[in-house]
C-alpha atoms as a PDB file:
ATOM      1  CA  MET A   1      86.588 105.947  94.195  1.00  0.00           C
ATOM      2  CA  PRO A   2      89.383 108.330  92.752  1.00  0.00           C
ATOM      3  CA  ILE A   3      90.329 111.052  94.447  1.00  0.00           C
ATOM      4  CA  THR A   4      90.939 114.658  93.168  1.00  0.00           C
ATOM      5  CA  GLN A   5      94.101 116.818  92.821  1.00  0.00           C
ATOM      6  CA  LYS A   6      92.288 118.965  95.269  1.00  0.00           C
ATOM      7  CA  GLN A   7      90.876 116.680  97.819  1.00  0.00           C
ATOM      8  CA  LEU A   8      94.567 115.455  97.949  1.00  0.00           C
ATOM      9  CA  GLY A   9      96.049 118.408  98.650  1.00  0.00           C
ATOM     10  CA  ALA A  10      93.588 119.141 101.018  1.00  0.00           C
ATOM     11  CA  ILE A  11      94.357 116.205 102.937  1.00  0.00           C
ATOM     12  CA  MET A  12      98.383 116.477 102.389  1.00  0.00           C
ATOM     13  CA  PRO A  13      99.269 119.506 101.853  1.00  0.00           C
ATOM     14  CA  LEU A  14     102.851 118.904 101.611  1.00  0.00           C
ATOM     15  CA  CYS A  15     102.133 116.714  98.687  1.00  0.00           C
ATOM     16  CA  LYS A  16     102.735 117.495  95.239  1.00  0.00           C
ATOM     17  CA  ALA A  17      99.424 116.638  94.058  1.00  0.00           C
ATOM     18  CA  ASP A  18      99.585 116.884  90.603  1.00  0.00           C
ATOM     19  CA  GLN A  19     102.594 114.279  90.585  1.00  0.00           C
ATOM     20  CA  TRP A  20     101.015 111.706  92.879  1.00  0.00           C
ATOM     21  CA  THR A  21      96.791 112.033  91.977  1.00  0.00           C
ATOM     22  CA  ASP A  22      97.040 109.386  89.113  1.00  0.00           C
ATOM     23  CA  PRO A  23      99.607 106.995  90.821  1.00  0.00           C
ATOM     24  CA  LEU A  24      97.459 106.741  93.926  1.00  0.00           C
ATOM     25  CA  ASN A  25      94.181 106.386  91.839  1.00  0.00           C
ATOM     26  CA  ALA A  26      95.772 103.389  90.073  1.00  0.00           C
ATOM     27  CA  ALA A  27      97.050 101.801  92.991  1.00  0.00           C
ATOM     28  CA  MET A  28      93.727 102.123  95.085  1.00  0.00           C
ATOM     29  CA  GLU A  29      92.062 100.597  92.000  1.00  0.00           C
ATOM     30  CA  ARG A  30      94.644  98.369  91.481  1.00  0.00           C
ATOM     31  CA  PHE A  31      94.073  96.754  95.181  1.00  0.00           C
ATOM     32  CA  GLU A  32      90.651  97.600  95.752  1.00  0.00           C
ATOM     33  CA  ILE A  33      90.551 100.803  97.887  1.00  0.00           C
ATOM     34  CA  ASN A  34      87.063 101.527  96.915  1.00  0.00           C
ATOM     35  CA  THR A  35      85.308 102.686  99.904  1.00  0.00           C
ATOM     36  CA  PRO A  36      85.599 105.823 101.921  1.00  0.00           C
ATOM     37  CA  THR A  37      86.633 104.116 104.777  1.00  0.00           C
ATOM     38  CA  ARG A  38      89.306 102.145 103.109  1.00  0.00           C
ATOM     39  CA  VAL A  39      90.657 105.533 101.002  1.00  0.00           C
ATOM     40  CA  ALA A  40      90.788 107.425 104.292  1.00  0.00           C
ATOM     41  CA  ALA A  41      92.622 104.411 105.805  1.00  0.00           C
ATOM     42  CA  PHE A  42      95.057 103.937 103.212  1.00  0.00           C
ATOM     43  CA  LEU A  43      95.502 108.102 102.683  1.00  0.00           C
ATOM     44  CA  ALA A  44      96.090 108.616 106.474  1.00  0.00           C
ATOM     45  CA  GLN A  45      98.624 105.682 106.601  1.00  0.00           C
ATOM     46  CA  LEU A  46     100.373 106.805 103.428  1.00  0.00           C
ATOM     47  CA  ALA A  47     100.598 110.665 104.647  1.00  0.00           C
ATOM     48  CA  HIS A  48     102.055 109.338 107.900  1.00  0.00           C
ATOM     49  CA  GLU A  49     104.501 106.833 106.325  1.00  0.00           C
ATOM     50  CA  SER A  50     105.933 109.121 104.113  1.00  0.00           C
ATOM     51  CA  THR A  51     105.763 112.311 105.662  1.00  0.00           C
ATOM     52  CA  GLU A  52     103.248 113.460 103.165  1.00  0.00           C
ATOM     53  CA  THR A  53     104.748 112.210 100.412  1.00  0.00           C
ATOM     54  CA  THR A  54     107.985 114.131 101.134  1.00  0.00           C
ATOM     55  CA  ARG A  55     110.189 110.848 101.806  1.00  0.00           C
ATOM     56  CA  ARG A  56     110.143 107.613 100.076  1.00  0.00           C
ATOM     57  CA  CYS A  57     112.252 104.607 100.933  1.00  0.00           C
ATOM     58  CA  GLY A  58     111.964 101.823  98.789  1.00  0.00           C
ATOM     59  CA  ARG A  59     113.118  98.270  99.680  1.00  0.00           C
ATOM     60  CA  SER A  60     116.393  99.098  98.831  1.00  0.00           C
ATOM     61  CA  GLY A  61     116.454 102.207 100.967  1.00  0.00           C
ATOM     62  CA  PHE A  62     115.232 100.062 103.898  1.00  0.00           C
ATOM     63  CA  ARG A  63     117.452 100.180 107.066  1.00  0.00           C
ATOM     64  CA  HIS A  64     116.437  97.714 109.382  1.00  0.00           C
ATOM     65  CA  ARG A  65     117.990  98.145 113.199  1.00  0.00           C
ATOM     66  CA  LEU A  66     118.830  95.321 114.914  1.00  0.00           C
ATOM     67  CA  PRO A  67     118.391  95.634 118.824  1.00  0.00           C
ATOM     68  CA  PRO A  68     121.700  94.958 120.456  1.00  0.00           C
ATOM     69  CA  ARG A  69     122.796  91.465 121.579  1.00  0.00           C
ATOM     70  CA  LEU A  70     122.302  90.561 125.152  1.00  0.00           C
ATOM     71  CA  THR A  71     125.227  88.982 126.857  1.00  0.00           C
END
């Protein structure tokens, strides 16, 4: 169930849909995100975590803050 650039732009207005549509469709196919419910959940989570694809943070950029030690 591939998504179109028009659909992606409507779902995530800040997203550069022309750059993201093909990679997202490939990822959804690879990981069997192939029902309307799965697609909706995946895109909602992606939009939330990436601020509509305007922010990316891979493993090397991840900053984990540990809680302060209790003494």
